[in-house]
Protein backbone atom coordinates (compact mmCIF):
# COMPACT_ATOMS: atom_id res chain seq x y z
CA UNK A 1 0.06 0.00 0.04
CA UNK A 2 1.24 3.47 -0.77
CA UNK A 3 0.37 6.81 0.77
CA UNK A 4 0.80 10.19 -0.94
CA UNK A 5 -0.78 13.58 -1.51
CA UNK A 6 -2.60 14.31 -4.81
CA UNK A 7 -3.95 17.57 -6.35
CA UNK A 8 -7.35 17.36 -7.89
CA UNK A 9 -7.47 18.65 -11.55
CA UNK A 10 -11.08 17.87 -12.42
CA UNK A 11 -14.24 16.47 -11.10
CA UNK A 12 -17.13 15.16 -13.28
CA UNK A 13 -20.27 14.67 -11.32
CA UNK A 14 -22.12 13.21 -14.24
CA UNK A 15 -19.72 10.33 -14.51
CA UNK A 16 -18.70 10.21 -10.83
CA UNK A 17 -15.06 10.64 -11.87
CA UNK A 18 -12.18 12.63 -10.42
CA UNK A 19 -8.83 13.42 -12.11
CA UNK A 20 -5.70 14.11 -10.14
CA UNK A 21 -2.03 14.31 -10.24
CA UNK A 22 0.19 12.63 -7.67
CA UNK A 23 3.79 13.07 -6.65
CA UNK A 24 4.98 11.26 -9.78
CA UNK A 25 3.36 14.01 -11.93
CA UNK A 26 1.25 11.32 -13.73
CA UNK A 27 -2.34 12.25 -14.37
CA UNK A 28 -4.81 9.61 -13.14
CA UNK A 29 -8.63 9.37 -13.60
CA UNK A 30 -10.75 7.40 -11.11
CA UNK A 31 -14.38 6.51 -11.34
CA UNK A 32 -16.13 6.23 -7.94
CA UNK A 33 -18.27 3.16 -7.44
CA UNK A 34 -19.57 3.63 -3.81
CA UNK A 35 -22.30 6.25 -3.22
CA UNK A 36 -20.48 7.77 -0.18
CA UNK A 37 -17.36 8.22 -2.40
CA UNK A 38 -19.45 9.75 -5.20
CA UNK A 39 -20.96 12.17 -2.60
CA UNK A 40 -17.55 13.08 -1.32
CA UNK A 41 -16.01 13.86 -4.72
CA UNK A 42 -18.99 16.11 -5.65
CA UNK A 43 -17.71 18.47 -2.94
CA UNK A 44 -14.15 18.64 -4.45
CA UNK A 45 -12.87 21.31 -6.70
CA UNK A 46 -9.76 21.57 -8.95
CA UNK A 47 -6.78 22.57 -6.88
CA UNK A 48 -7.88 20.77 -3.66
CA UNK A 49 -5.13 18.54 -2.15
CA UNK A 50 -6.01 15.19 -0.66
CA UNK A 51 -4.29 12.28 1.12
CA UNK A 52 -4.47 9.21 -0.84
CA UNK A 53 -3.94 5.53 -0.07
CA UNK A 54 -3.72 3.16 -3.03
CA UNK A 55 -2.44 -0.13 -4.25
CA UNK A 56 -1.48 -0.75 -7.87
CA UNK A 57 -1.98 -4.25 -9.59
CA UNK A 58 -1.02 -5.82 -12.84
CA UNK A 59 -3.04 -8.38 -14.61
CA UNK A 60 -1.46 -10.80 -17.09
CA UNK A 61 -3.03 -13.33 -19.37
CA UNK A 62 -1.22 -16.45 -20.24
CA UNK A 63 -2.59 -18.42 -23.16
CA UNK A 64 -1.27 -21.51 -25.02
CA UNK A 65 0.20 -20.92 -28.50
CA UNK A 66 -1.90 -22.62 -31.22
């Protein structure tokens, strides 16, 4: 698990998504699934800073050659 501060760059209430930039300066977009998180992001504005805890994952598909 990683902890960092992120800066909100955009909030889209229609799609329940939030865009932000973290300490690595890589823009990210997340779509909120839970109603309580959707309500929270509606109160955010570009420029707000937030504490974030996240975990990254990688999915790989292995298939036999034919």
